Amino acid sequence: MSRTGALFCLASAAGFGAMGIFGKLAYDEGATVGTLLSARFVLAAVLFWLILVCARGGIHELRSLSRRDLLIAVALGAVGYAAQAGAFFAALDRLDASLLALLVYTYPVLVAVASIAIGREPARRSTAVSLALASTGLVLVLAGAAAGALDALGTVLGLTAATVYTGYILISDGVTERVGPLALSTLVCTGAGVSLTLAGLAGGDLDPGAVTAEGYAWLGALAVVSTVGAVALFFAGLRRVGPTAASILSTLEPVVTVALAFAVFGESFGPAQLLGGALVLAAVLTVRAPRRRELALANP
């Protein structure tokens, strides 16, 4: 496996791991779900465009893209990423950041199973083991929630985010072979920014005037650390190691989220939830990267 790709995926996971914390802190300072989503992606898109313009050959790469790849990249943001982010942050408004992280983190196994189903990767015994571990872990996480602490809609939204993200990763895997990570990140965030801003306006949930100065600082951190940095690093890593390996390496994400949630908010789990979370993480660690990708990218 490409060491550079692995490091990119791990750094991306750390950035995404802080996302729920930044979101909770922004909510405490007056941000609504609509305001958060719009601010996150609009600011990220602006930053990506500035980087693209300043980068050597950045504009040339963008102009050289086929119309098909251009439309797919924008749609990944406007439809895929927007839906995933919308479900995630709507769930975050109802659930603890740590619990949500474990719910969303069923996606690595979903990616592995989907990759096998569509013929991208061979079936492995480890995948069956991962499914059993993930299913058992998820049941324990949900069943171990304290009475009244588990919001049904928030749970559905969290699992929806995991499912949508699975499709997003599989589609992105094909696109990254033709489009560079910087150009792809720029187009994805642009599509998501436009889509989510329009959705916020239509739903009456866009209220930037209610956000405090500290709230905007958290929104800025969300855009820079958990969007610009995390998205670009993920695409760069995905291009080198493939969808299943990228998902496995992202195991660091919920670990970072749980650690930060404990440090910042004092969130904690009961014994059953701790065991369930451990099983979910064990599930993704049992999924192996496809040998074909390791050989193809042995010399990145």
C-alpha atoms as a PDB file:
ATOM      1  CA  MET A   1       0.000   0.000   0.000  1.00  0.00           C
ATOM      2  CA  SER A   2       1.219   3.531  -0.765  1.00  0.00           C
ATOM      3  CA  ARG A   3       2.642   5.056   2.433  1.00  0.00           C
ATOM      4  CA  THR A   4       1.949   8.548   1.157  1.00  0.00           C
ATOM      5  CA  GLY A   5      -1.659   7.634   0.423  1.00  0.00           C
ATOM      6  CA  ALA A   6      -2.029   6.089   3.864  1.00  0.00           C
ATOM      7  CA  LEU A   7      -0.688   9.229   5.566  1.00  0.00           C
ATOM      8  CA  PHE A   8      -3.047  11.400   3.518  1.00  0.00           C
ATOM      9  CA  CYS A   9      -6.028   9.275   4.581  1.00  0.00           C
ATOM     10  CA  LEU A  10      -5.015   9.340   8.249  1.00  0.00           C
ATOM     11  CA  ALA A  11      -4.551  13.131   8.228  1.00  0.00           C
ATOM     12  CA  SER A  12      -7.913  13.495   6.510  1.00  0.00           C
ATOM     13  CA  ALA A  13      -9.545  11.287   9.148  1.00  0.00           C
ATOM     14  CA  ALA A  14      -8.163  13.482  11.929  1.00  0.00           C
ATOM     15  CA  GLY A  15      -9.636  16.570  10.246  1.00  0.00           C
ATOM     16  CA  PHE A  16     -13.010  14.929   9.749  1.00  0.00           C
ATOM     17  CA  GLY A  17     -12.887  13.640  13.324  1.00  0.00           C
ATOM     18  CA  ALA A  18     -12.960  17.200  14.636  1.00  0.00           C
ATOM     19  CA  MET A  19     -15.984  18.066  12.465  1.00  0.00           C
ATOM     20  CA  GLY A  20     -18.664  17.087  14.971  1.00  0.00           C
ATOM     21  CA  ILE A  21     -16.958  19.038  17.737  1.00  0.00           C
ATOM     22  CA  PHE A  22     -16.699  22.215  15.654  1.00  0.00           C
ATOM     23  CA  GLY A  23     -20.346  21.765  14.656  1.00  0.00           C
ATOM     24  CA  LYS A  24     -21.582  21.392  18.246  1.00  0.00           C
ATOM     25  CA  LEU A  25     -19.611  24.465  19.320  1.00  0.00           C
ATOM     26  CA  ALA A  26     -21.041  26.469  16.400  1.00  0.00           C
ATOM     27  CA  TYR A  27     -24.579  25.404  17.347  1.00  0.00           C
ATOM     28  CA  ASP A  28     -23.966  26.715  20.868  1.00  0.00           C
ATOM     29  CA  GLU A  29     -23.084  30.103  19.360  1.00  0.00           C
ATOM     30  CA  GLY A  30     -26.259  30.592  17.332  1.00  0.00           C
ATOM     31  CA  ALA A  31     -25.607  28.653  14.116  1.00  0.00           C
ATOM     32  CA  THR A  32     -28.532  26.733  12.635  1.00  0.00           C
ATOM     33  CA  VAL A  33     -28.049  23.583  10.548  1.00  0.00           C
ATOM     34  CA  GLY A  34     -28.691  25.562   7.360  1.00  0.00           C
ATOM     35  CA  THR A  35     -26.303  28.352   8.323  1.00  0.00           C
ATOM     36  CA  LEU A  36     -23.572  25.876   9.265  1.00  0.00           C
ATOM     37  CA  LEU A  37     -23.826  23.888   6.048  1.00  0.00           C
ATOM     38  CA  SER A  38     -23.903  26.952   3.813  1.00  0.00           C
ATOM     39  CA  ALA A  39     -21.030  28.708   5.596  1.00  0.00           C
ATOM     40  CA  ARG A  40     -18.905  25.556   5.667  1.00  0.00           C
ATOM     41  CA  PHE A  41     -19.035  24.829   1.954  1.00  0.00           C
ATOM     42  CA  VAL A  42     -19.191  28.386   0.601  1.00  0.00           C
ATOM     43  CA  LEU A  43     -16.083  29.353   2.567  1.00  0.00           C
ATOM     44  CA  ALA A  44     -14.352  26.094   1.611  1.00  0.00           C
ATOM     45  CA  ALA A  45     -15.189  26.635  -2.060  1.00  0.00           C
ATOM     46  CA  VAL A  46     -13.777  30.175  -1.978  1.00  0.00           C
ATOM     47  CA  LEU A  47     -10.561  28.911  -0.389  1.00  0.00           C
ATOM     48  CA  PHE A  48     -10.242  26.077  -2.884  1.00  0.00           C
ATOM     49  CA  TRP A  49     -10.713  28.451  -5.834  1.00  0.00           C
ATOM     50  CA  LEU A  50      -8.012  30.760  -4.462  1.00  0.00           C
ATOM     51  CA  ILE A  51      -5.651  27.807  -4.069  1.00  0.00           C
ATOM     52  CA  LEU A  52      -6.508  26.512  -7.548  1.00  0.00           C
ATOM     53  CA  VAL A  53      -5.859  29.886  -9.166  1.00  0.00           C
ATOM     54  CA  CYS A  54      -2.517  30.244  -7.389  1.00  0.00           C
ATOM     55  CA  ALA A  55      -1.425  26.646  -7.956  1.00  0.00           C
ATOM     56  CA  ARG A  56       0.804  25.968 -10.913  1.00  0.00           C
ATOM     57  CA  GLY A  57      -1.264  24.473 -13.713  1.00  0.00           C
ATOM     58  CA  GLY A  58      -4.421  24.521 -11.611  1.00  0.00           C
ATOM     59  CA  ILE A  59      -6.631  26.425 -14.050  1.00  0.00           C
ATOM     60  CA  HIS A  60      -5.186  24.496 -16.999  1.00  0.00           C
ATOM     61  CA  GLU A  61      -6.147  21.210 -15.334  1.00  0.00           C
ATOM     62  CA  LEU A  62      -9.667  22.464 -14.767  1.00  0.00           C
ATOM     63  CA  ARG A  63     -10.017  23.570 -18.402  1.00  0.00           C
ATOM     64  CA  SER A  64      -8.735  20.235 -19.660  1.00  0.00           C
ATOM     65  CA  LEU A  65     -11.500  18.265 -17.938  1.00  0.00           C
ATOM     66  CA  SER A  66     -14.149  16.664 -20.093  1.00  0.00           C
ATOM     67  CA  ARG A  67     -17.690  17.949 -19.736  1.00  0.00           C
ATOM     68  CA  ARG A  68     -18.701  14.570 -18.295  1.00  0.00           C
ATOM     69  CA  ASP A  69     -16.064  14.647 -15.533  1.00  0.00           C
ATOM     70  CA  LEU A  70     -16.880  18.279 -14.781  1.00  0.00           C
ATOM     71  CA  LEU A  71     -20.564  17.494 -14.327  1.00  0.00           C
ATOM     72  CA  ILE A  72     -19.854  14.385 -12.233  1.00  0.00           C
ATOM     73  CA  ALA A  73     -17.535  16.331  -9.918  1.00  0.00           C
ATOM     74  CA  VAL A  74     -20.059  19.126  -9.388  1.00  0.00           C
ATOM     75  CA  ALA A  75     -22.873  16.602  -8.881  1.00  0.00           C
ATOM     76  CA  LEU A  76     -20.793  14.749  -6.281  1.00  0.00           C
ATOM     77  CA  GLY A  77     -20.894  17.927  -4.228  1.00  0.00           C
ATOM     78  CA  ALA A  78     -24.348  19.239  -5.095  1.00  0.00           C
ATOM     79  CA  VAL A  79     -26.096  15.909  -4.558  1.00  0.00           C
ATOM     80  CA  GLY A  80     -23.839  13.373  -2.805  1.00  0.00           C
ATOM     81  CA  TYR A  81     -21.817  15.458  -0.383  1.00  0.00           C
ATOM     82  CA  ALA A  82     -24.690  17.857   0.250  1.00  0.00           C
ATOM     83  CA  ALA A  83     -27.012  14.981   1.183  1.00  0.00           C
ATOM     84  CA  GLN A  84     -24.393  13.319   3.388  1.00  0.00           C
ATOM     85  CA  ALA A  85     -23.447  16.542   5.172  1.00  0.00           C
ATOM     86  CA  GLY A  86     -27.089  17.553   5.559  1.00  0.00           C
ATOM     87  CA  ALA A  87     -27.983  14.231   7.180  1.00  0.00           C
ATOM     88  CA  PHE A  88     -24.875  14.298   9.398  1.00  0.00           C
ATOM     89  CA  PHE A  89     -25.363  17.793  10.800  1.00  0.00           C
ATOM     90  CA  ALA A  90     -29.116  17.353  11.182  1.00  0.00           C
ATOM     91  CA  ALA A  91     -28.330  14.235  13.234  1.00  0.00           C
ATOM     92  CA  LEU A  92     -25.659  16.146  15.173  1.00  0.00           C
ATOM     93  CA  ASP A  93     -28.364  18.544  16.332  1.00  0.00           C
ATOM     94  CA  ARG A  94     -30.101  15.554  17.988  1.00  0.00           C
ATOM     95  CA  LEU A  95     -27.294  13.187  19.061  1.00  0.00           C
ATOM     96  CA  ASP A  96     -24.017  13.336  20.938  1.00  0.00           C
ATOM     97  CA  ALA A  97     -21.036  13.752  18.616  1.00  0.00           C
ATOM     98  CA  SER A  98     -19.443  10.520  19.849  1.00  0.00           C
ATOM     99  CA  LEU A  99     -22.568   8.382  19.335  1.00  0.00           C
ATOM    100  CA  LEU A 100     -23.116   9.864  15.882  1.00  0.00           C
ATOM    101  CA  ALA A 101     -19.512   9.088  14.928  1.00  0.00           C
ATOM    102  CA  LEU A 102     -20.056   5.402  15.689  1.00  0.00           C
ATOM    103  CA  LEU A 103     -23.315   5.288  13.743  1.00  0.00           C
ATOM    104  CA  VAL A 104     -21.779   6.922  10.686  1.00  0.00           C
ATOM    105  CA  TYR A 105     -18.763   4.690  10.979  1.00  0.00           C
ATOM    106  CA  THR A 106     -20.634   1.705   9.612  1.00  0.00           C
ATOM    107  CA  TYR A 107     -19.716   3.049   6.156  1.00  0.00           C
ATOM    108  CA  PRO A 108     -16.296   1.331   5.736  1.00  0.00           C
ATOM    109  CA  VAL A 109     -17.939  -2.095   5.803  1.00  0.00           C
ATOM    110  CA  LEU A 110     -20.698  -0.844   3.488  1.00  0.00           C
ATOM    111  CA  VAL A 111     -18.009   0.324   1.058  1.00  0.00           C
ATOM    112  CA  ALA A 112     -16.323  -3.088   1.136  1.00  0.00           C
ATOM    113  CA  VAL A 113     -19.593  -4.956   0.589  1.00  0.00           C
ATOM    114  CA  ALA A 114     -20.694  -2.631  -2.222  1.00  0.00           C
ATOM    115  CA  SER A 115     -17.288  -2.925  -3.922  1.00  0.00           C
ATOM    116  CA  ILE A 116     -17.693  -6.708  -3.973  1.00  0.00           C
ATOM    117  CA  ALA A 117     -21.302  -6.504  -5.166  1.00  0.00           C
ATOM    118  CA  ILE A 118     -20.408  -4.368  -8.190  1.00  0.00           C
ATOM    119  CA  GLY A 119     -17.346  -6.434  -9.024  1.00  0.00           C
ATOM    120  CA  ARG A 120     -14.612  -3.964  -8.133  1.00  0.00           C
ATOM    121  CA  GLU A 121     -13.032  -6.199  -5.506  1.00  0.00           C
ATOM    122  CA  PRO A 122     -13.053  -9.953  -4.775  1.00  0.00           C
ATOM    123  CA  ALA A 123     -15.115 -11.455  -1.961  1.00  0.00           C
ATOM    124  CA  ARG A 124     -13.093 -12.200   1.169  1.00  0.00           C
ATOM    125  CA  ARG A 125     -13.738 -14.098   4.371  1.00  0.00           C
ATOM    126  CA  SER A 126     -12.652 -10.968   6.240  1.00  0.00           C
ATOM    127  CA  THR A 127     -15.605  -9.078   4.762  1.00  0.00           C
ATOM    128  CA  ALA A 128     -18.078 -11.580   6.230  1.00  0.00           C
ATOM    129  CA  VAL A 129     -16.351 -11.289   9.606  1.00  0.00           C
ATOM    130  CA  SER A 130     -16.500  -7.494   9.353  1.00  0.00           C
ATOM    131  CA  LEU A 131     -20.220  -7.575   8.644  1.00  0.00           C
ATOM    132  CA  ALA A 132     -20.867  -9.746  11.689  1.00  0.00           C
ATOM    133  CA  LEU A 133     -18.755  -7.537  13.950  1.00  0.00           C
ATOM    134  CA  ALA A 134     -20.271  -4.291  12.631  1.00  0.00           C
ATOM    135  CA  SER A 135     -23.844  -5.565  12.959  1.00  0.00           C
ATOM    136  CA  THR A 136     -23.288  -6.787  16.515  1.00  0.00           C
ATOM    137  CA  GLY A 137     -21.494  -3.584  17.463  1.00  0.00           C
ATOM    138  CA  LEU A 138     -24.239  -1.386  16.042  1.00  0.00           C
ATOM    139  CA  VAL A 139     -26.901  -3.299  17.971  1.00  0.00           C
ATOM    140  CA  LEU A 140     -24.942  -2.843  21.216  1.00  0.00           C
ATOM    141  CA  VAL A 141     -24.402   0.880  20.565  1.00  0.00           C
ATOM    142  CA  LEU A 142     -28.104   1.450  20.005  1.00  0.00           C
ATOM    143  CA  ALA A 143     -29.378  -0.902  22.713  1.00  0.00           C
ATOM    144  CA  GLY A 144     -26.909   0.487  25.248  1.00  0.00           C
ATOM    145  CA  ALA A 145     -28.115   4.057  24.892  1.00  0.00           C
ATOM    146  CA  ALA A 146     -29.601   5.437  28.096  1.00  0.00           C
ATOM    147  CA  ALA A 147     -33.360   5.877  28.214  1.00  0.00           C
ATOM    148  CA  GLY A 148     -34.342   9.009  26.351  1.00  0.00           C
ATOM    149  CA  ALA A 149     -30.779   9.613  25.103  1.00  0.00           C
ATOM    150  CA  LEU A 150     -31.263   7.945  21.733  1.00  0.00           C
ATOM    151  CA  ASP A 151     -33.219  10.056  19.274  1.00  0.00           C
ATOM    152  CA  ALA A 152     -34.911   7.865  16.632  1.00  0.00           C
ATOM    153  CA  LEU A 153     -34.774  10.463  13.854  1.00  0.00           C
ATOM    154  CA  GLY A 154     -31.185  11.333  14.699  1.00  0.00           C
ATOM    155  CA  THR A 155     -30.269   7.636  14.462  1.00  0.00           C
ATOM    156  CA  VAL A 156     -31.936   7.290  11.056  1.00  0.00           C
ATOM    157  CA  LEU A 157     -30.176  10.421   9.825  1.00  0.00           C
ATOM    158  CA  GLY A 158     -26.813   9.124  11.046  1.00  0.00           C
ATOM    159  CA  LEU A 159     -27.239   5.801   9.247  1.00  0.00           C
ATOM    160  CA  THR A 160     -28.464   7.661   6.158  1.00  0.00           C
ATOM    161  CA  ALA A 161     -25.270   9.729   6.181  1.00  0.00           C
ATOM    162  CA  ALA A 162     -23.238   6.494   6.264  1.00  0.00           C
ATOM    163  CA  THR A 163     -25.173   5.028   3.330  1.00  0.00           C
ATOM    164  CA  VAL A 164     -24.910   8.162   1.192  1.00  0.00           C
ATOM    165  CA  TYR A 165     -21.196   8.458   1.967  1.00  0.00           C
ATOM    166  CA  THR A 166     -20.709   4.887   0.743  1.00  0.00           C
ATOM    167  CA  GLY A 167     -22.058   5.798  -2.691  1.00  0.00           C
ATOM    168  CA  TYR A 168     -20.058   9.029  -2.669  1.00  0.00           C
ATOM    169  CA  ILE A 169     -16.781   7.175  -2.059  1.00  0.00           C
ATOM    170  CA  LEU A 170     -17.424   4.545  -4.725  1.00  0.00           C
ATOM    171  CA  ILE A 171     -18.252   7.149  -7.367  1.00  0.00           C
ATOM    172  CA  SER A 172     -15.328   9.340  -6.305  1.00  0.00           C
ATOM    173  CA  ASP A 173     -12.944   6.402  -6.687  1.00  0.00           C
ATOM    174  CA  GLY A 174     -13.573   6.318 -10.429  1.00  0.00           C
ATOM    175  CA  VAL A 175     -13.341  10.080 -10.830  1.00  0.00           C
ATOM    176  CA  THR A 176     -10.029  10.424  -8.944  1.00  0.00           C
ATOM    177  CA  GLU A 177      -8.333   8.367 -11.649  1.00  0.00           C
ATOM    178  CA  ARG A 178      -9.043  11.172 -14.144  1.00  0.00           C
ATOM    179  CA  VAL A 179      -9.329  14.344 -12.036  1.00  0.00           C
ATOM    180  CA  GLY A 180      -6.656  15.697  -9.681  1.00  0.00           C
ATOM    181  CA  PRO A 181      -7.511  16.073  -5.965  1.00  0.00           C
ATOM    182  CA  LEU A 182      -7.347  19.897  -5.976  1.00  0.00           C
ATOM    183  CA  ALA A 183      -9.632  20.352  -8.981  1.00  0.00           C
ATOM    184  CA  LEU A 184     -12.018  17.679  -7.711  1.00  0.00           C
ATOM    185  CA  SER A 185     -12.167  19.190  -4.211  1.00  0.00           C
ATOM    186  CA  THR A 186     -12.866  22.632  -5.674  1.00  0.00           C
ATOM    187  CA  LEU A 187     -15.729  21.415  -7.833  1.00  0.00           C
ATOM    188  CA  VAL A 188     -17.234  19.231  -5.104  1.00  0.00           C
ATOM    189  CA  CYS A 189     -17.278  22.045  -2.536  1.00  0.00           C
ATOM    190  CA  THR A 190     -18.623  24.501  -5.103  1.00  0.00           C
ATOM    191  CA  GLY A 191     -21.503  22.164  -5.950  1.00  0.00           C
ATOM    192  CA  ALA A 192     -22.231  21.506  -2.281  1.00  0.00           C
ATOM    193  CA  GLY A 193     -22.036  25.215  -1.394  1.00  0.00           C
ATOM    194  CA  VAL A 194     -24.563  26.227  -4.044  1.00  0.00           C
ATOM    195  CA  SER A 195     -26.919  23.326  -3.308  1.00  0.00           C
ATOM    196  CA  LEU A 196     -26.916  23.742   0.477  1.00  0.00           C
ATOM    197  CA  THR A 197     -27.238  27.532   0.373  1.00  0.00           C
ATOM    198  CA  LEU A 198     -30.299  27.264  -1.874  1.00  0.00           C
ATOM    199  CA  ALA A 199     -31.734  24.558   0.404  1.00  0.00           C
ATOM    200  CA  GLY A 200     -31.171  26.763   3.455  1.00  0.00           C
ATOM    201  CA  LEU A 201     -32.902  29.703   1.811  1.00  0.00           C
ATOM    202  CA  ALA A 202     -35.823  27.573   0.644  1.00  0.00           C
ATOM    203  CA  GLY A 203     -36.249  26.024   4.080  1.00  0.00           C
ATOM    204  CA  GLY A 204     -35.906  29.314   5.970  1.00  0.00           C
ATOM    205  CA  ASP A 205     -33.023  27.902   7.998  1.00  0.00           C
ATOM    206  CA  LEU A 206     -30.367  30.364   6.876  1.00  0.00           C
ATOM    207  CA  ASP A 207     -29.778  32.946   9.623  1.00  0.00           C
ATOM    208  CA  PRO A 208     -26.140  34.157   9.626  1.00  0.00           C
ATOM    209  CA  GLY A 209     -27.050  37.213  11.702  1.00  0.00           C
ATOM    210  CA  ALA A 210     -27.785  35.026  14.734  1.00  0.00           C
ATOM    211  CA  VAL A 211     -24.232  33.619  14.850  1.00  0.00           C
ATOM    212  CA  THR A 212     -21.814  35.194  17.341  1.00  0.00           C
ATOM    213  CA  ALA A 213     -18.208  36.129  16.557  1.00  0.00           C
ATOM    214  CA  GLU A 214     -17.038  32.993  18.346  1.00  0.00           C
ATOM    215  CA  GLY A 215     -19.523  30.983  16.324  1.00  0.00           C
ATOM    216  CA  TYR A 216     -17.982  32.251  13.097  1.00  0.00           C
ATOM    217  CA  ALA A 217     -14.570  31.209  14.392  1.00  0.00           C
ATOM    218  CA  TRP A 218     -15.867  27.646  14.813  1.00  0.00           C
ATOM    219  CA  LEU A 219     -17.456  27.770  11.361  1.00  0.00           C
ATOM    220  CA  GLY A 220     -14.102  28.916   9.979  1.00  0.00           C
ATOM    221  CA  ALA A 221     -12.356  25.993  11.672  1.00  0.00           C
ATOM    222  CA  LEU A 222     -14.982  23.667  10.254  1.00  0.00           C
ATOM    223  CA  ALA A 223     -14.349  24.994   6.743  1.00  0.00           C
ATOM    224  CA  VAL A 224     -10.539  25.077   6.890  1.00  0.00           C
ATOM    225  CA  VAL A 225      -9.686  21.995   8.966  1.00  0.00           C
ATOM    226  CA  SER A 226     -12.638  19.652   8.410  1.00  0.00           C
ATOM    227  CA  THR A 227     -13.402  20.593   4.805  1.00  0.00           C
ATOM    228  CA  VAL A 228     -10.529  22.127   2.815  1.00  0.00           C
ATOM    229  CA  GLY A 229      -7.812  20.089   4.514  1.00  0.00           C
ATOM    230  CA  ALA A 230      -9.805  16.906   5.105  1.00  0.00           C
ATOM    231  CA  VAL A 231     -11.470  16.716   1.675  1.00  0.00           C
ATOM    232  CA  ALA A 232      -8.308  17.424  -0.331  1.00  0.00           C
ATOM    233  CA  LEU A 233      -6.276  14.922   1.687  1.00  0.00           C
ATOM    234  CA  PHE A 234      -8.975  12.274   1.351  1.00  0.00           C
ATOM    235  CA  PHE A 235      -9.125  12.552  -2.435  1.00  0.00           C
ATOM    236  CA  ALA A 236      -5.318  12.464  -2.623  1.00  0.00           C
ATOM    237  CA  GLY A 237      -5.263   9.337  -0.454  1.00  0.00           C
ATOM    238  CA  LEU A 238      -8.210   7.684  -2.215  1.00  0.00           C
ATOM    239  CA  ARG A 239      -6.424   8.058  -5.532  1.00  0.00           C
ATOM    240  CA  ARG A 240      -3.440   6.089  -4.171  1.00  0.00           C
ATOM    241  CA  VAL A 241      -5.007   3.340  -2.035  1.00  0.00           C
ATOM    242  CA  GLY A 242      -8.559   2.751  -3.312  1.00  0.00           C
ATOM    243  CA  PRO A 243     -11.976   2.941  -1.620  1.00  0.00           C
ATOM    244  CA  THR A 244     -11.785   0.029   0.823  1.00  0.00           C
ATOM    245  CA  ALA A 245      -8.288   0.871   2.097  1.00  0.00           C
ATOM    246  CA  ALA A 246      -9.182   4.568   2.385  1.00  0.00           C
ATOM    247  CA  SER A 247     -12.217   3.659   4.486  1.00  0.00           C
ATOM    248  CA  ILE A 248     -10.162   1.370   6.724  1.00  0.00           C
ATOM    249  CA  LEU A 249      -7.499   4.028   7.293  1.00  0.00           C
ATOM    250  CA  SER A 250     -10.251   6.447   8.257  1.00  0.00           C
ATOM    251  CA  THR A 251     -10.708   4.367  11.416  1.00  0.00           C
ATOM    252  CA  LEU A 252      -8.888   7.208  13.126  1.00  0.00           C
ATOM    253  CA  GLU A 253     -11.888   9.497  12.567  1.00  0.00           C
ATOM    254  CA  PRO A 254     -14.302   8.211  15.252  1.00  0.00           C
ATOM    255  CA  VAL A 255     -11.398   7.770  17.672  1.00  0.00           C
ATOM    256  CA  VAL A 256     -10.583  11.466  17.305  1.00  0.00           C
ATOM    257  CA  THR A 257     -14.259  12.405  17.629  1.00  0.00           C
ATOM    258  CA  VAL A 258     -14.816  10.352  20.780  1.00  0.00           C
ATOM    259  CA  ALA A 259     -11.615  11.646  22.393  1.00  0.00           C
ATOM    260  CA  LEU A 260     -12.461  15.280  21.623  1.00  0.00           C
ATOM    261  CA  ALA A 261     -16.096  14.846  22.695  1.00  0.00           C
ATOM    262  CA  PHE A 262     -14.906  13.497  26.042  1.00  0.00           C
ATOM    263  CA  ALA A 263     -12.364  16.318  26.475  1.00  0.00           C
ATOM    264  CA  VAL A 264     -14.648  19.184  25.369  1.00  0.00           C
ATOM    265  CA  PHE A 265     -18.167  18.080  26.342  1.00  0.00           C
ATOM    266  CA  GLY A 266     -17.574  15.302  28.851  1.00  0.00           C
ATOM    267  CA  GLU A 267     -19.509  12.832  26.689  1.00  0.00           C
ATOM    268  CA  SER A 268     -19.131   9.200  27.722  1.00  0.00           C
ATOM    269  CA  PHE A 269     -20.545   5.755  26.959  1.00  0.00           C
ATOM    270  CA  GLY A 270     -21.937   2.946  29.057  1.00  0.00           C
ATOM    271  CA  PRO A 271     -20.229  -0.483  29.017  1.00  0.00           C
ATOM    272  CA  ALA A 272     -22.491  -1.886  26.273  1.00  0.00           C
ATOM    273  CA  GLN A 273     -21.873   1.108  24.016  1.00  0.00           C
ATOM    274  CA  LEU A 274     -18.127   0.963  24.612  1.00  0.00           C
ATOM    275  CA  LEU A 275     -18.123  -2.703  23.616  1.00  0.00           C
ATOM    276  CA  GLY A 276     -20.301  -1.951  20.602  1.00  0.00           C
ATOM    277  CA  GLY A 277     -18.018   0.872  19.474  1.00  0.00           C
ATOM    278  CA  ALA A 278     -14.988  -1.403  19.844  1.00  0.00           C
ATOM    279  CA  LEU A 279     -16.687  -4.030  17.656  1.00  0.00           C
ATOM    280  CA  VAL A 280     -17.495  -1.449  14.961  1.00  0.00           C
ATOM    281  CA  LEU A 281     -13.859  -0.341  14.885  1.00  0.00           C
ATOM    282  CA  ALA A 282     -12.691  -3.977  14.885  1.00  0.00           C
ATOM    283  CA  ALA A 283     -14.981  -4.610  11.919  1.00  0.00           C
ATOM    284  CA  VAL A 284     -13.326  -2.044   9.692  1.00  0.00           C
ATOM    285  CA  LEU A 285      -9.866  -3.217  10.724  1.00  0.00           C
ATOM    286  CA  THR A 286     -10.609  -6.739   9.475  1.00  0.00           C
ATOM    287  CA  VAL A 287     -11.296  -5.506   5.944  1.00  0.00           C
ATOM    288  CA  ARG A 288      -8.165  -5.709   3.817  1.00  0.00           C
ATOM    289  CA  ALA A 289      -7.123  -3.488   0.950  1.00  0.00           C
ATOM    290  CA  PRO A 290      -7.361  -5.115  -2.493  1.00  0.00           C
ATOM    291  CA  ARG A 291      -4.063  -6.469  -3.730  1.00  0.00           C
ATOM    292  CA  ARG A 292      -4.633  -5.101  -7.227  1.00  0.00           C
ATOM    293  CA  ARG A 293      -4.514  -1.512  -5.942  1.00  0.00           C
ATOM    294  CA  GLU A 294      -1.420  -2.171  -3.809  1.00  0.00           C
ATOM    295  CA  LEU A 295       0.461  -3.510  -6.825  1.00  0.00           C
ATOM    296  CA  ALA A 296      -0.676  -0.800  -9.191  1.00  0.00           C
ATOM    297  CA  LEU A 297       0.468   1.949  -6.848  1.00  0.00           C
ATOM    298  CA  ALA A 298       3.566   0.354  -5.401  1.00  0.00           C
ATOM    299  CA  ASN A 299       5.592   3.294  -6.730  1.00  0.00           C
ATOM    300  CA  PRO A 300       3.432   6.409  -6.260  1.00  0.00           C
END
